[in-house]
Amino acid sequence: MRRLAALLCVSLPLLARGQELRHVQAQTTDGTIEGVVSADDLVRTFKGIPFAAPPLGALRWRPPQPVVPWTGVLRTIDYGPRPMQGPIYSDMVFHDAGPSEDCLYLNLWRPEHAEGKLPVMVWIFGGGFAAGSTSEPRQDGGNLCKKGVLVVSINYRLGVFGYLALPELSKEASYGGSGDYGLMDQVAGLQWVKRNIASFGGDPDNVTIFGESAGSMSVSALVSSPLAKGLFNRAIGESGSFFGDHDHLNTLAEAEASGTAFAAEVGRPSLAALRAAPAQELIAAAIKHPVEKFWPDVDGYFLPADCATLTAAGEQSHVALLAGWNLDEQGYDEYFKGAPPTLADYISIARAKFGGEADAFLKAYPATTDAEAQRAAKDFQGDQFMAYGTWHWLEMQRATSGARTYRYEFDLPLPLPEDAKPGTEPTASHSWEIQYVFRVLSSKHLPWRPEDHALSEQMSSYWTNFAKTGNPNGPGLPFWPAYEAADGNQVMHLSPDSEAQPDRRRARDVFVGGLPRQPQAL
């Protein structure tokens, strides 16, 4: 609680571009907080609001616990610390004070002059469950909230601190499982929203969860989890779910075996010794492993079974879902060794890798020229990486929930930076839609074009319309039909000329779904 104590003070005036920001207060169930209104008087912001007790000491690797209420006024103007993590993804930029185990804070943005109960959008960041923070500028909710919604973003524990499983931890827990503490943090954040959002003008009965990559996978887990039922009304998934192979959940036995091996590796074989270990020691050891070593599992509590099993039985939350992925989710990896294949290479590798299934692969991913082979290779890698799992989630949610689903593909390649190497190909890669959704193209230093700004306005309208009503359509937008088999499984292709088209890639998803499951690395 050291950070909390430090923030319990009377705020000094903040200056922004020579203007003094107006300070405002709000009452939560834990105490009074103080935020600011932007210099242009359009957005009210609270940052670094504690939603659970700091998971330190004996609370390391336990479900999130309640915040200790405070007296006085808590200054919530700056982002809270980001979760403990190593330097994993070079494209991440943070605007917080640094990493800490004391990281369970959320942020809130609302339009200053909106009236009535506002729909609420709760953002869950991505980063492979090993990296990330709410403080990234591409996830700032200030511009998105101006479209008539209240935006919340939540930190959650990552990596070894969020997903370590051990037999000793499972024995300690009343539910007989371990791991998934980071996912439980997300539930705690949603419970805070349920209790408190009305104090900020939000509607606790109109909440949409949305996220990208591991954040989207988290959304699929929250939709599946019995612990999250009743905490949200709609879901948006951007490139990811726990319904695929690349992103499957570990079993509890797999996770416990991985955790036991890690404890032996760091020379701290008991739970007490692990809890006494300095955080940096554990991070330094953990980042030597693939991110999947510390990964969500079927712990028997947050998830009593894997997401596909729960959804097939109709036991998930029956909420409307908007989900999709980007045209170029991944480049030439694994099969193609990072190099664009020629047509001959493409066919040769297909024959070698798929044997008797090679003809089915080449039918699903056809190519007759080098250029077509390169496009097909990227499609296959992207399908395995994120697209198939997201497609499978959409299919199953549609089949068993009775709720509407909407599917998209983000097709606009980002402009290349001015110092790009000659011959660099522009792509619509994994995660690159985020700044469009949040209306913060300025978070990346690129030569943005009119079509980029137009698409950002369009996508942010689709997303907020869906949050308001469960339907992305609205005035001035190309019509987005629901994803229904009887209507050709329409997909909204988001581009300068956005248009819904029938699904033409179903054979690809069916093929990927039939591939043997690859074991996760432990």
Protein backbone atom coordinates (compact mmCIF):
# COMPACT_ATOMS: atom_id res chain seq x y z
CA MET A 1 0.00 0.00 0.00
CA ARG A 2 3.04 2.29 -0.22
CA ARG A 3 1.85 3.87 -3.47
CA LEU A 4 -1.65 4.32 -2.10
CA ALA A 5 -0.33 6.08 0.98
CA ALA A 6 1.79 8.36 -1.15
CA LEU A 7 -1.21 9.41 -3.22
CA LEU A 8 -3.44 10.25 -0.25
CA CYS A 9 -2.73 13.94 -0.38
CA VAL A 10 -4.15 17.25 -1.45
CA SER A 11 -3.37 17.62 -5.16
CA LEU A 12 -1.19 20.41 -6.44
CA PRO A 13 -2.42 22.22 -9.54
CA LEU A 14 -1.52 20.53 -12.81
CA LEU A 15 -0.62 22.53 -15.87
CA ALA A 16 -1.28 21.51 -19.46
CA ARG A 17 -0.15 23.70 -22.28
CA GLY A 18 -0.21 26.66 -19.96
CA GLN A 19 -3.72 25.94 -18.69
CA GLU A 20 -4.65 24.75 -15.24
CA LEU A 21 -6.65 21.55 -15.27
CA ARG A 22 -9.86 21.51 -13.28
CA HIS A 23 -9.83 18.92 -10.51
CA VAL A 24 -12.93 16.84 -9.83
CA GLN A 25 -13.85 14.29 -7.19
CA ALA A 26 -15.92 11.12 -7.20
CA GLN A 27 -17.04 8.73 -4.51
CA THR A 28 -16.25 5.01 -4.75
CA THR A 29 -17.17 2.24 -2.34
CA ASP A 30 -13.58 2.40 -1.03
CA GLY A 31 -13.23 6.17 -0.64
CA THR A 32 -13.10 9.51 -2.41
CA ILE A 33 -10.88 9.96 -5.47
CA GLU A 34 -9.74 13.01 -7.38
CA GLY A 35 -9.20 13.25 -11.13
CA VAL A 36 -9.02 16.01 -13.71
CA VAL A 37 -10.96 17.50 -16.59
CA SER A 38 -9.00 18.07 -19.78
CA ALA A 39 -7.91 21.59 -20.72
CA ASP A 40 -10.52 21.67 -23.51
CA ASP A 41 -13.25 20.76 -20.96
CA LEU A 42 -14.28 17.66 -22.95
CA VAL A 43 -12.99 14.65 -20.99
CA ARG A 44 -13.01 13.74 -17.30
CA THR A 45 -10.21 11.34 -16.38
CA PHE A 46 -9.31 9.27 -13.33
CA LYS A 47 -6.13 7.16 -13.50
CA GLY A 48 -4.56 4.69 -11.10
CA ILE A 49 -7.72 3.77 -9.17
CA PRO A 50 -7.03 0.73 -6.94
CA PHE A 51 -9.56 -2.05 -7.53
CA ALA A 52 -7.91 -4.81 -5.46
CA ALA A 53 -5.35 -5.04 -2.69
CA PRO A 54 -1.68 -5.08 -3.76
CA PRO A 55 -0.85 -8.78 -4.37
CA LEU A 56 2.32 -8.69 -2.27
CA GLY A 57 3.85 -11.05 0.28
CA ALA A 58 1.32 -13.65 1.35
CA LEU A 59 -1.07 -12.39 -1.37
CA ARG A 60 1.37 -13.32 -4.15
CA TRP A 61 -0.37 -16.09 -6.16
CA ARG A 62 -3.73 -15.70 -4.46
CA PRO A 63 -7.03 -14.52 -5.97
CA PRO A 64 -7.38 -10.72 -5.76
CA GLN A 65 -8.45 -9.42 -2.36
CA PRO A 66 -10.55 -6.33 -1.50
CA VAL A 67 -9.00 -2.88 -1.27
CA VAL A 68 -8.57 -1.49 2.24
CA PRO A 69 -10.82 1.62 2.31
CA TRP A 70 -9.12 4.96 2.84
CA THR A 71 -10.02 8.28 4.41
CA GLY A 72 -9.31 11.61 2.82
CA VAL A 73 -8.98 12.08 -0.92
CA LEU A 74 -6.97 9.72 -3.13
CA ARG A 75 -5.24 11.52 -6.00
CA THR A 76 -5.94 9.51 -9.18
CA ILE A 77 -4.26 11.60 -11.87
CA ASP A 78 -1.37 9.36 -12.95
CA TYR A 79 -1.31 5.79 -14.23
CA GLY A 80 -0.59 3.13 -11.64
CA PRO A 81 2.54 0.97 -12.01
CA ARG A 82 2.51 -1.56 -14.83
CA PRO A 83 2.54 -5.26 -13.92
CA MET A 84 5.92 -6.92 -13.40
CA GLN A 85 7.37 -7.97 -16.75
CA GLY A 86 10.56 -8.20 -18.74
CA PRO A 87 11.48 -6.33 -21.94
CA ILE A 88 9.53 -8.66 -24.24
CA TYR A 89 7.93 -6.54 -26.99
CA SER A 90 9.95 -3.66 -28.38
CA ASP A 91 6.92 -1.82 -29.80
CA MET A 92 5.35 -1.23 -26.39
CA VAL A 93 5.66 2.29 -24.95
CA PHE A 94 4.57 2.96 -21.38
CA HIS A 95 3.58 6.18 -19.63
CA ASP A 96 3.69 4.89 -16.06
CA ALA A 97 6.37 5.06 -13.38
CA GLY A 98 7.61 1.51 -13.93
CA PRO A 99 6.80 -2.13 -13.14
CA SER A 100 5.66 -3.35 -9.74
CA GLU A 101 3.79 -6.24 -8.18
CA ASP A 102 1.55 -3.52 -6.74
CA CYS A 103 -0.20 -3.09 -10.09
CA LEU A 104 -3.93 -3.65 -9.65
CA TYR A 105 -5.17 -0.26 -10.79
CA LEU A 106 -7.66 0.85 -13.41
CA ASN A 107 -8.35 4.05 -15.36
CA LEU A 108 -11.54 5.77 -16.39
CA TRP A 109 -12.45 8.32 -19.07
CA ARG A 110 -15.87 9.90 -19.61
CA PRO A 111 -17.16 12.74 -21.80
CA GLU A 112 -17.49 15.74 -19.53
CA HIS A 113 -20.83 17.04 -20.77
CA ALA A 114 -22.69 13.80 -21.49
CA GLU A 115 -26.02 13.28 -19.75
CA GLY A 116 -27.84 10.17 -18.63
CA LYS A 117 -26.42 6.71 -18.03
CA LEU A 118 -23.50 6.05 -20.36
CA PRO A 119 -22.66 2.67 -21.89
CA VAL A 120 -19.41 1.34 -20.44
CA MET A 121 -16.51 -0.17 -22.42
CA VAL A 122 -13.89 -2.07 -20.40
CA TRP A 123 -10.58 -2.56 -22.23
CA ILE A 124 -8.21 -5.48 -21.60
CA PHE A 125 -4.74 -5.01 -23.10
CA GLY A 126 -2.72 -7.68 -24.92
CA GLY A 127 0.87 -8.82 -24.69
CA GLY A 128 0.93 -12.60 -24.56
CA PHE A 129 -0.03 -12.62 -20.85
CA ALA A 130 3.60 -11.64 -20.29
CA ALA A 131 3.76 -7.92 -21.12
CA GLY A 132 1.63 -4.81 -21.44
CA SER A 133 -0.01 -2.06 -19.43
CA THR A 134 -2.98 0.27 -19.49
CA SER A 135 -0.54 3.18 -19.82
CA GLU A 136 0.28 2.62 -23.51
CA PRO A 137 -0.69 5.76 -25.46
CA ARG A 138 -2.37 3.73 -28.22
CA GLN A 139 -4.91 2.62 -25.56
CA ASP A 140 -5.76 6.04 -24.13
CA GLY A 141 -9.54 6.22 -23.82
CA GLY A 142 -9.92 10.00 -23.96
CA ASN A 143 -10.82 10.28 -27.64
CA LEU A 144 -12.95 7.12 -27.75
CA CYS A 145 -15.13 8.26 -24.86
CA LYS A 146 -16.12 11.37 -26.83
CA LYS A 147 -18.38 9.10 -28.88
CA GLY A 148 -20.75 8.82 -25.94
CA VAL A 149 -19.32 6.00 -23.85
CA LEU A 150 -17.44 5.64 -20.59
CA VAL A 151 -14.10 3.83 -21.10
CA VAL A 152 -12.31 1.82 -18.41
CA SER A 153 -8.96 0.01 -18.74
CA ILE A 154 -7.69 -2.60 -16.27
CA ASN A 155 -4.23 -3.79 -15.28
CA TYR A 156 -3.81 -7.48 -14.40
CA ARG A 157 -0.97 -9.69 -13.23
CA LEU A 158 1.27 -11.13 -15.93
CA GLY A 159 3.68 -14.00 -16.51
CA VAL A 160 5.01 -15.85 -13.50
CA PHE A 161 3.06 -13.58 -11.13
CA GLY A 162 -0.23 -14.05 -12.94
CA TYR A 163 -0.19 -17.70 -14.00
CA LEU A 164 2.17 -19.80 -11.88
CA ALA A 165 0.54 -23.09 -10.90
CA LEU A 166 1.91 -25.50 -8.31
CA PRO A 167 0.56 -28.55 -6.47
CA GLU A 168 1.21 -26.64 -3.23
CA LEU A 169 -0.82 -23.67 -4.47
CA SER A 170 -3.64 -25.96 -5.56
CA LYS A 171 -3.64 -27.63 -2.14
CA GLU A 172 -3.78 -24.24 -0.45
CA ALA A 173 -6.76 -23.04 -2.54
CA SER A 174 -10.29 -23.91 -1.43
CA TYR A 175 -11.14 -24.86 -5.03
CA GLY A 176 -8.19 -27.20 -5.49
CA GLY A 177 -6.57 -25.40 -8.42
CA SER A 178 -3.99 -22.74 -9.19
CA GLY A 179 -2.97 -20.30 -11.90
CA ASP A 180 -5.30 -17.81 -13.61
CA TYR A 181 -4.70 -15.07 -11.02
CA GLY A 182 -4.38 -12.50 -13.80
CA LEU A 183 -7.76 -13.53 -15.23
CA MET A 184 -9.26 -13.28 -11.75
CA ASP A 185 -7.85 -9.74 -11.56
CA GLN A 186 -9.93 -8.90 -14.62
CA VAL A 187 -13.04 -10.22 -12.86
CA ALA A 188 -12.19 -8.08 -9.83
CA GLY A 189 -11.93 -5.06 -12.13
CA LEU A 190 -15.34 -5.83 -13.61
CA GLN A 191 -16.79 -6.22 -10.11
CA TRP A 192 -15.41 -2.78 -9.27
CA VAL A 193 -17.17 -1.43 -12.36
CA LYS A 194 -20.42 -3.08 -11.29
CA ARG A 195 -20.21 -1.51 -7.83
CA ASN A 196 -18.94 1.93 -8.75
CA ILE A 197 -19.59 2.94 -12.34
CA ALA A 198 -22.92 4.62 -11.60
CA SER A 199 -21.02 7.20 -9.51
CA PHE A 200 -19.25 8.27 -12.72
CA GLY A 201 -22.40 8.40 -14.85
CA GLY A 202 -22.00 4.90 -16.28
CA ASP A 203 -24.66 2.23 -16.65
CA PRO A 204 -23.69 -0.91 -14.67
CA ASP A 205 -26.23 -2.86 -16.70
CA ASN A 206 -24.70 -1.91 -20.07
CA VAL A 207 -21.07 -3.03 -20.02
CA THR A 208 -19.02 -4.22 -23.01
CA ILE A 209 -15.67 -5.93 -22.54
CA PHE A 210 -13.16 -5.58 -25.38
CA GLY A 211 -9.53 -6.49 -25.91
CA GLU A 212 -6.83 -7.38 -28.43
CA SER A 213 -4.56 -10.46 -28.72
CA ALA A 214 -4.13 -11.77 -25.15
CA GLY A 215 -6.78 -9.21 -24.25
CA SER A 216 -9.14 -10.79 -26.78
CA MET A 217 -8.23 -14.23 -25.47
CA SER A 218 -9.08 -12.89 -22.01
CA VAL A 219 -12.45 -11.71 -23.31
CA SER A 220 -13.16 -15.22 -24.62
CA ALA A 221 -12.20 -16.64 -21.21
CA LEU A 222 -14.43 -14.12 -19.39
CA VAL A 223 -17.35 -15.01 -21.66
CA SER A 224 -16.73 -18.66 -20.77
CA SER A 225 -16.11 -18.27 -17.02
CA PRO A 226 -18.89 -18.73 -14.44
CA LEU A 227 -17.13 -16.13 -12.26
CA ALA A 228 -17.76 -13.36 -14.79
CA LYS A 229 -21.45 -13.99 -15.48
CA GLY A 230 -23.62 -10.92 -15.02
CA LEU A 231 -20.68 -8.51 -15.11
CA PHE A 232 -21.00 -7.53 -18.78
CA ASN A 233 -23.56 -7.53 -21.58
CA ARG A 234 -21.50 -7.63 -24.78
CA ALA A 235 -18.04 -8.66 -25.92
CA ILE A 236 -15.58 -7.53 -28.61
CA GLY A 237 -12.57 -9.65 -29.55
CA GLU A 238 -9.74 -8.32 -31.70
CA SER A 239 -7.44 -11.12 -32.95
CA GLY A 240 -7.51 -13.89 -30.42
CA SER A 241 -9.42 -16.45 -28.38
CA PHE A 242 -8.90 -19.63 -26.40
CA PHE A 243 -10.63 -21.66 -29.12
CA GLY A 244 -7.59 -22.41 -31.26
CA ASP A 245 -4.42 -24.47 -31.15
CA HIS A 246 -1.77 -21.77 -30.88
CA ASP A 247 -3.64 -20.22 -27.98
CA HIS A 248 -5.05 -23.25 -26.17
CA LEU A 249 -5.39 -23.38 -22.40
CA ASN A 250 -3.00 -25.58 -20.43
CA THR A 251 -4.48 -28.30 -18.28
CA LEU A 252 -3.96 -27.92 -14.55
CA ALA A 253 -1.57 -30.89 -14.61
CA GLU A 254 0.50 -29.27 -17.41
CA ALA A 255 0.60 -25.96 -15.55
CA GLU A 256 1.55 -27.56 -12.22
CA ALA A 257 4.34 -29.56 -13.88
CA SER A 258 5.66 -26.40 -15.51
CA GLY A 259 5.52 -24.50 -12.23
CA THR A 260 7.27 -27.29 -10.33
CA ALA A 261 10.09 -27.34 -12.88
CA PHE A 262 10.45 -23.58 -12.60
CA ALA A 263 10.62 -23.69 -8.79
CA ALA A 264 13.43 -26.23 -9.00
CA GLU A 265 15.21 -24.16 -11.65
CA VAL A 266 15.34 -21.06 -9.43
CA GLY A 267 16.34 -23.09 -6.36
CA ARG A 268 13.16 -22.28 -4.44
CA PRO A 269 11.26 -25.57 -4.32
CA SER A 270 8.71 -24.56 -1.66
CA LEU A 271 5.85 -22.09 -1.94
CA ALA A 272 7.13 -20.18 1.08
CA ALA A 273 10.53 -19.78 -0.57
CA LEU A 274 8.94 -18.61 -3.82
CA ARG A 275 6.83 -16.04 -1.99
CA ALA A 276 9.95 -14.76 -0.26
CA ALA A 277 11.87 -14.38 -3.53
CA PRO A 278 12.50 -10.85 -4.82
CA ALA A 279 10.20 -10.07 -7.73
CA GLN A 280 13.08 -9.19 -10.04
CA GLU A 281 14.73 -12.55 -9.40
CA LEU A 282 11.62 -14.38 -10.57
CA ILE A 283 11.15 -12.14 -13.60
CA ALA A 284 14.78 -12.58 -14.66
CA ALA A 285 14.35 -16.35 -14.60
CA ALA A 286 10.90 -16.37 -16.19
CA ILE A 287 11.75 -14.31 -19.26
CA LYS A 288 14.27 -16.94 -20.36
CA HIS A 289 11.30 -19.16 -21.25
CA PRO A 290 8.59 -18.88 -23.91
CA VAL A 291 5.58 -16.88 -22.72
CA GLU A 292 3.46 -20.07 -22.78
CA LYS A 293 5.32 -21.38 -19.73
CA PHE A 294 3.23 -19.02 -17.60
CA TRP A 295 -0.11 -19.16 -19.36
CA PRO A 296 -3.78 -19.47 -18.33
CA ASP A 297 -4.97 -22.95 -17.45
CA VAL A 298 -8.14 -24.89 -16.73
CA ASP A 299 -7.86 -24.33 -12.99
CA GLY A 300 -11.26 -25.75 -12.01
CA TYR A 301 -12.46 -22.42 -10.64
CA PHE A 302 -12.17 -19.54 -13.07
CA LEU A 303 -12.56 -22.17 -15.79
CA PRO A 304 -14.09 -25.51 -14.78
CA ALA A 305 -13.37 -26.76 -18.32
CA ASP A 306 -11.79 -25.36 -21.48
CA CYS A 307 -13.67 -22.60 -23.30
CA ALA A 308 -14.77 -24.75 -26.23
CA THR A 309 -16.24 -27.41 -23.94
CA LEU A 310 -18.13 -24.84 -21.87
CA THR A 311 -19.42 -23.08 -24.98
CA ALA A 312 -20.47 -26.30 -26.71
CA ALA A 313 -22.60 -27.04 -23.65
CA GLY A 314 -24.07 -23.53 -23.72
CA GLU A 315 -22.67 -22.73 -20.28
CA GLN A 316 -20.97 -19.48 -21.34
CA SER A 317 -22.45 -15.99 -21.05
CA HIS A 318 -24.99 -15.62 -23.85
CA VAL A 319 -23.90 -12.18 -24.98
CA ALA A 320 -23.60 -10.53 -28.39
CA LEU A 321 -20.12 -10.82 -29.86
CA LEU A 322 -18.22 -8.68 -32.38
CA ALA A 323 -14.90 -10.25 -33.34
CA GLY A 324 -12.35 -10.48 -36.12
CA TRP A 325 -8.71 -10.15 -37.06
CA ASN A 326 -6.26 -8.40 -39.38
CA LEU A 327 -5.32 -9.29 -42.92
CA ASP A 328 -1.63 -9.86 -42.12
CA GLU A 329 -1.67 -11.34 -38.64
CA GLN A 330 1.75 -12.95 -39.07
CA GLY A 331 4.54 -13.23 -41.63
CA TYR A 332 6.53 -16.22 -42.88
CA ASP A 333 7.36 -18.20 -39.76
CA GLU A 334 7.98 -21.84 -38.86
CA TYR A 335 7.19 -23.46 -42.21
CA PHE A 336 8.69 -20.78 -44.43
CA LYS A 337 11.68 -19.79 -42.29
CA GLY A 338 11.01 -16.06 -42.41
CA ALA A 339 11.52 -15.75 -46.19
CA PRO A 340 8.92 -15.23 -48.94
CA PRO A 341 8.53 -18.62 -50.64
CA THR A 342 8.52 -19.17 -54.39
CA LEU A 343 5.66 -21.20 -55.80
CA ALA A 344 7.95 -24.22 -56.04
CA ASP A 345 9.06 -23.79 -52.41
CA TYR A 346 5.46 -23.42 -51.31
CA ILE A 347 4.33 -26.64 -52.96
CA SER A 348 7.42 -28.55 -51.84
CA ILE A 349 7.02 -27.52 -48.21
CA ALA A 350 3.31 -28.36 -48.31
CA ARG A 351 4.08 -31.86 -49.61
CA ALA A 352 6.75 -32.39 -46.95
CA LYS A 353 4.74 -31.03 -44.02
CA PHE A 354 1.27 -32.33 -44.74
CA GLY A 355 1.85 -35.60 -46.59
CA GLY A 356 -1.51 -37.06 -47.50
CA GLU A 357 -3.23 -33.82 -46.45
CA ALA A 358 -1.14 -31.72 -48.85
CA ASP A 359 -3.79 -31.67 -51.56
CA ALA A 360 -6.38 -30.46 -49.04
CA PHE A 361 -3.96 -27.74 -47.91
CA LEU A 362 -3.26 -26.59 -51.46
CA LYS A 363 -6.97 -26.51 -52.19
CA ALA A 364 -7.65 -24.40 -49.11
CA TYR A 365 -4.65 -22.14 -49.80
CA PRO A 366 -4.32 -22.21 -53.59
CA ALA A 367 -1.49 -20.53 -55.51
CA THR A 368 -0.39 -20.52 -59.14
CA THR A 369 2.30 -17.80 -59.05
CA ASP A 370 5.09 -16.75 -56.70
CA ALA A 371 3.03 -13.75 -55.56
CA GLU A 372 0.01 -15.95 -54.84
CA ALA A 373 2.23 -18.43 -52.98
CA GLN A 374 3.54 -15.65 -50.76
CA ARG A 375 0.04 -14.40 -50.01
CA ALA A 376 -1.18 -17.93 -49.28
CA ALA A 377 1.79 -18.61 -46.99
CA LYS A 378 1.07 -15.45 -44.97
CA ASP A 379 -2.60 -16.38 -44.81
CA PHE A 380 -1.81 -19.84 -43.46
CA GLN A 381 0.57 -18.52 -40.82
CA GLY A 382 -1.91 -15.84 -39.75
CA ASP A 383 -4.74 -18.37 -39.62
CA GLN A 384 -2.77 -20.61 -37.30
CA PHE A 385 -1.57 -17.69 -35.22
CA MET A 386 -4.86 -15.93 -34.43
CA ALA A 387 -7.52 -16.05 -37.12
CA TYR A 388 -8.68 -19.65 -36.78
CA GLY A 389 -9.21 -19.42 -33.02
CA THR A 390 -11.20 -16.21 -33.39
CA TRP A 391 -13.29 -17.78 -36.17
CA HIS A 392 -13.98 -20.87 -34.06
CA TRP A 393 -15.11 -18.68 -31.16
CA LEU A 394 -17.51 -16.78 -33.40
CA GLU A 395 -18.91 -20.01 -34.80
CA MET A 396 -19.48 -21.58 -31.39
CA GLN A 397 -20.86 -18.45 -29.73
CA ARG A 398 -23.31 -18.07 -32.62
CA ALA A 399 -24.35 -21.71 -32.41
CA THR A 400 -25.03 -21.98 -28.67
CA SER A 401 -25.74 -18.50 -27.29
CA GLY A 402 -28.69 -17.35 -29.39
CA ALA A 403 -27.08 -13.90 -29.40
CA ARG A 404 -26.04 -11.93 -32.47
CA THR A 405 -22.48 -12.10 -33.73
CA TYR A 406 -20.60 -9.75 -36.08
CA ARG A 407 -17.34 -10.54 -37.87
CA TYR A 408 -14.72 -8.23 -39.38
CA GLU A 409 -11.37 -8.23 -41.14
CA PHE A 410 -9.07 -5.20 -40.85
CA ASP A 411 -7.61 -4.81 -44.35
CA LEU A 412 -5.88 -1.42 -44.46
CA PRO A 413 -2.05 -1.62 -44.52
CA LEU A 414 -0.50 1.05 -42.31
CA PRO A 415 1.58 3.74 -44.02
CA LEU A 416 5.29 3.03 -43.92
CA PRO A 417 7.55 5.26 -41.83
CA GLU A 418 9.64 7.71 -43.79
CA ASP A 419 12.83 5.82 -42.95
CA ALA A 420 11.50 2.43 -44.09
CA LYS A 421 13.99 0.30 -46.00
CA PRO A 422 13.49 0.20 -49.77
CA GLY A 423 11.28 -2.72 -50.75
CA THR A 424 9.48 -2.88 -47.40
CA GLU A 425 5.93 -4.09 -47.90
CA PRO A 426 3.14 -2.27 -46.02
CA THR A 427 0.94 -4.66 -44.05
CA ALA A 428 -2.12 -4.76 -41.84
CA SER A 429 -0.37 -6.69 -39.09
CA HIS A 430 -1.26 -8.03 -35.67
CA SER A 431 -2.36 -5.31 -33.19
CA TRP A 432 -2.22 -2.48 -35.71
CA GLU A 433 -5.95 -1.79 -35.55
CA ILE A 434 -5.77 -0.64 -31.91
CA GLN A 435 -4.96 3.02 -32.57
CA TYR A 436 -7.79 3.16 -35.13
CA VAL A 437 -10.34 1.90 -32.59
CA PHE A 438 -9.16 4.34 -29.92
CA ARG A 439 -8.94 7.31 -32.33
CA VAL A 440 -5.29 7.89 -31.40
CA LEU A 441 -3.37 7.61 -34.67
CA SER A 442 -1.03 10.22 -33.21
CA SER A 443 0.28 7.56 -30.81
CA LYS A 444 2.42 6.27 -33.70
CA HIS A 445 4.74 8.52 -35.67
CA LEU A 446 3.65 7.59 -39.19
CA PRO A 447 2.69 9.67 -42.24
CA TRP A 448 -1.03 9.19 -41.71
CA ARG A 449 -3.30 9.63 -44.73
CA PRO A 450 -6.88 10.90 -44.99
CA GLU A 451 -8.08 7.31 -45.40
CA ASP A 452 -6.49 6.36 -42.07
CA HIS A 453 -8.35 9.09 -40.22
CA ALA A 454 -11.60 8.20 -42.00
CA LEU A 455 -11.28 4.53 -41.08
CA SER A 456 -10.47 5.39 -37.47
CA GLU A 457 -13.68 7.42 -37.23
CA GLN A 458 -15.61 4.58 -38.82
CA MET A 459 -14.21 1.83 -36.61
CA SER A 460 -14.62 3.79 -33.39
CA SER A 461 -18.24 4.42 -34.36
CA TYR A 462 -18.86 0.75 -35.08
CA TRP A 463 -17.31 -0.27 -31.75
CA THR A 464 -19.18 2.32 -29.67
CA ASN A 465 -22.48 1.68 -31.46
CA PHE A 466 -22.12 -1.99 -30.62
CA ALA A 467 -21.44 -1.08 -26.99
CA LYS A 468 -24.55 1.07 -26.87
CA THR A 469 -27.04 -1.29 -28.52
CA GLY A 470 -25.43 -4.60 -29.48
CA ASN A 471 -25.51 -3.52 -33.13
CA PRO A 472 -22.54 -1.75 -34.78
CA ASN A 473 -24.61 0.04 -37.41
CA GLY A 474 -25.44 3.72 -37.34
CA PRO A 475 -25.97 6.80 -39.49
CA GLY A 476 -23.36 7.39 -42.18
CA LEU A 477 -21.73 3.96 -41.85
CA PRO A 478 -21.59 1.18 -44.45
CA PHE A 479 -24.10 -1.46 -43.42
CA TRP A 480 -22.65 -4.28 -41.35
CA PRO A 481 -24.88 -7.38 -41.45
CA ALA A 482 -24.87 -9.94 -38.67
CA TYR A 483 -22.73 -13.03 -39.11
CA GLU A 484 -25.36 -15.57 -40.11
CA ALA A 485 -25.01 -18.74 -42.15
CA ALA A 486 -28.28 -18.11 -43.96
CA ASP A 487 -26.90 -14.80 -45.22
CA GLY A 488 -23.58 -16.16 -46.50
CA ASN A 489 -21.63 -15.58 -43.27
CA GLN A 490 -21.08 -11.90 -44.03
CA VAL A 491 -17.73 -10.37 -43.06
CA MET A 492 -17.19 -6.62 -42.77
CA HIS A 493 -13.92 -5.77 -44.52
CA LEU A 494 -12.63 -2.62 -42.84
CA SER A 495 -10.72 -0.48 -45.34
CA PRO A 496 -11.00 2.91 -47.08
CA ASP A 497 -13.99 1.36 -48.90
CA SER A 498 -15.43 -0.77 -46.11
CA GLU A 499 -17.85 -3.37 -47.38
CA ALA A 500 -19.52 -6.53 -46.13
CA GLN A 501 -18.82 -9.62 -48.23
CA PRO A 502 -19.69 -13.32 -47.93
CA ASP A 503 -17.06 -15.46 -46.23
CA ARG A 504 -14.71 -16.82 -48.89
CA ARG A 505 -12.14 -18.40 -46.61
CA ARG A 506 -14.18 -21.01 -44.79
CA ALA A 507 -12.18 -23.87 -46.33
CA ARG A 508 -9.04 -22.40 -44.74
CA ASP A 509 -10.54 -22.41 -41.26
CA VAL A 510 -11.90 -25.92 -41.67
CA PHE A 511 -8.45 -27.14 -42.76
CA VAL A 512 -6.63 -25.48 -39.84
CA GLY A 513 -9.23 -26.83 -37.43
CA GLY A 514 -8.45 -30.36 -38.60
CA LEU A 515 -4.69 -30.15 -37.98
CA PRO A 516 -3.26 -32.25 -35.12
CA ARG A 517 -2.98 -30.29 -31.89
CA GLN A 518 0.57 -29.20 -31.14
CA PRO A 519 1.66 -29.53 -27.48
CA GLN A 520 2.42 -26.32 -25.64
CA ALA A 521 6.04 -25.68 -24.69
CA LEU A 522 6.65 -26.08 -20.99
